[in-house]
């Protein structure tokens, strides 16, 4: 098991790797925060903002939001088809 000092020393010796990790985290965190803010999901926004999971929580949220949005759009399409079918039968 590595001590925190060994991890810091490793990252200082490999600055390119350190920058890649930082960019990876910021990319996924930025996308996840943007999606959660757009969807007005405050609990997710706060969790993503506070917790640093090297992008894992961020990716999980993005997949969750994508699946949820897909289901919601499918439900809306089904309702629109029902309305269209009802209008056709009444005319």
Protein backbone atom coordinates (compact mmCIF):
# COMPACT_ATOMS: atom_id res chain seq x y z
CA UNK A 1 0.00 0.00 0.00
CA UNK A 2 1.33 3.42 -0.94
CA UNK A 3 1.50 6.21 1.53
CA UNK A 4 0.20 9.67 0.55
CA UNK A 5 3.81 10.91 0.41
CA UNK A 6 4.71 8.24 -2.14
CA UNK A 7 1.70 9.12 -4.28
CA UNK A 8 2.57 12.82 -4.21
CA UNK A 9 6.19 12.06 -5.04
CA UNK A 10 5.11 9.85 -7.97
CA UNK A 11 2.84 12.58 -9.36
CA UNK A 12 5.58 15.19 -9.00
CA UNK A 13 7.96 12.94 -10.94
CA UNK A 14 5.33 12.40 -13.67
CA UNK A 15 3.73 15.82 -14.29
CA UNK A 16 2.24 14.78 -17.66
CA UNK A 17 0.32 11.95 -16.01
CA UNK A 18 -0.80 14.35 -13.29
CA UNK A 19 -2.12 16.82 -15.91
CA UNK A 20 -3.94 14.04 -17.79
CA UNK A 21 -5.66 12.93 -14.58
CA UNK A 22 -6.68 16.54 -13.79
CA UNK A 23 -8.04 17.05 -17.32
CA UNK A 24 -9.94 13.74 -17.12
CA UNK A 25 -11.56 14.78 -13.83
CA UNK A 26 -12.44 18.29 -15.00
CA UNK A 27 -13.92 17.08 -18.28
CA UNK A 28 -16.33 14.59 -16.72
CA UNK A 29 -17.13 16.81 -13.73
CA UNK A 30 -17.91 19.75 -16.03
CA UNK A 31 -20.23 17.69 -18.25
CA UNK A 32 -22.01 16.13 -15.27
CA UNK A 33 -22.45 19.48 -13.50
CA UNK A 34 -23.80 21.07 -16.68
CA UNK A 35 -26.33 18.27 -17.21
CA UNK A 36 -27.47 18.25 -13.57
CA UNK A 37 -27.90 22.03 -13.56
CA UNK A 38 -29.84 21.95 -16.83
CA UNK A 39 -32.12 19.21 -15.44
CA UNK A 40 -32.53 21.15 -12.15
CA UNK A 41 -31.31 18.19 -10.09
CA UNK A 42 -29.78 19.97 -7.13
CA UNK A 43 -28.93 16.86 -5.10
CA UNK A 44 -26.89 15.41 -7.95
CA UNK A 45 -25.25 18.79 -8.57
CA UNK A 46 -24.08 19.07 -4.95
CA UNK A 47 -22.90 15.45 -4.81
CA UNK A 48 -20.90 15.79 -8.03
CA UNK A 49 -19.47 19.12 -6.93
CA UNK A 50 -18.32 17.90 -3.51
CA UNK A 51 -17.29 14.29 -4.11
CA UNK A 52 -14.10 13.62 -6.02
CA UNK A 53 -14.24 10.10 -7.44
CA UNK A 54 -11.83 10.57 -10.39
CA UNK A 55 -14.77 10.89 -12.75
CA UNK A 56 -16.55 7.68 -11.78
CA UNK A 57 -19.59 9.31 -10.14
CA UNK A 58 -19.71 11.85 -12.95
CA UNK A 59 -19.84 9.16 -15.64
CA UNK A 60 -22.47 7.19 -13.69
CA UNK A 61 -24.64 10.31 -13.45
CA UNK A 62 -24.27 11.09 -17.15
CA UNK A 63 -25.37 7.56 -18.06
CA UNK A 64 -28.25 7.77 -15.55
CA UNK A 65 -29.43 11.10 -16.96
CA UNK A 66 -29.14 9.85 -20.54
CA UNK A 67 -31.25 6.75 -19.80
CA UNK A 68 -33.81 8.77 -17.84
CA UNK A 69 -34.10 11.33 -20.65
CA UNK A 70 -34.52 8.55 -23.22
CA UNK A 71 -37.33 6.94 -21.21
CA UNK A 72 -39.08 10.30 -20.74
CA UNK A 73 -38.94 11.05 -24.47
CA UNK A 74 -40.28 7.58 -25.30
CA UNK A 75 -43.17 8.12 -22.89
CA UNK A 76 -43.93 11.51 -24.47
CA UNK A 77 -43.86 9.98 -27.95
CA UNK A 78 -46.28 7.28 -26.81
CA UNK A 79 -48.68 9.89 -25.40
CA UNK A 80 -48.51 11.92 -28.62
CA UNK A 81 -49.29 8.82 -30.67
CA UNK A 82 -52.29 8.10 -28.42
CA UNK A 83 -53.57 11.66 -28.89
CA UNK A 84 -53.16 11.39 -32.65
CA UNK A 85 -55.00 8.07 -32.71
CA UNK A 86 -57.85 9.52 -30.61
CA UNK A 87 -58.15 12.55 -32.91
CA UNK A 88 -58.28 10.31 -35.98
CA UNK A 89 -61.13 8.23 -34.55
CA UNK A 90 -63.19 11.26 -33.51
CA UNK A 91 -62.94 12.94 -36.92
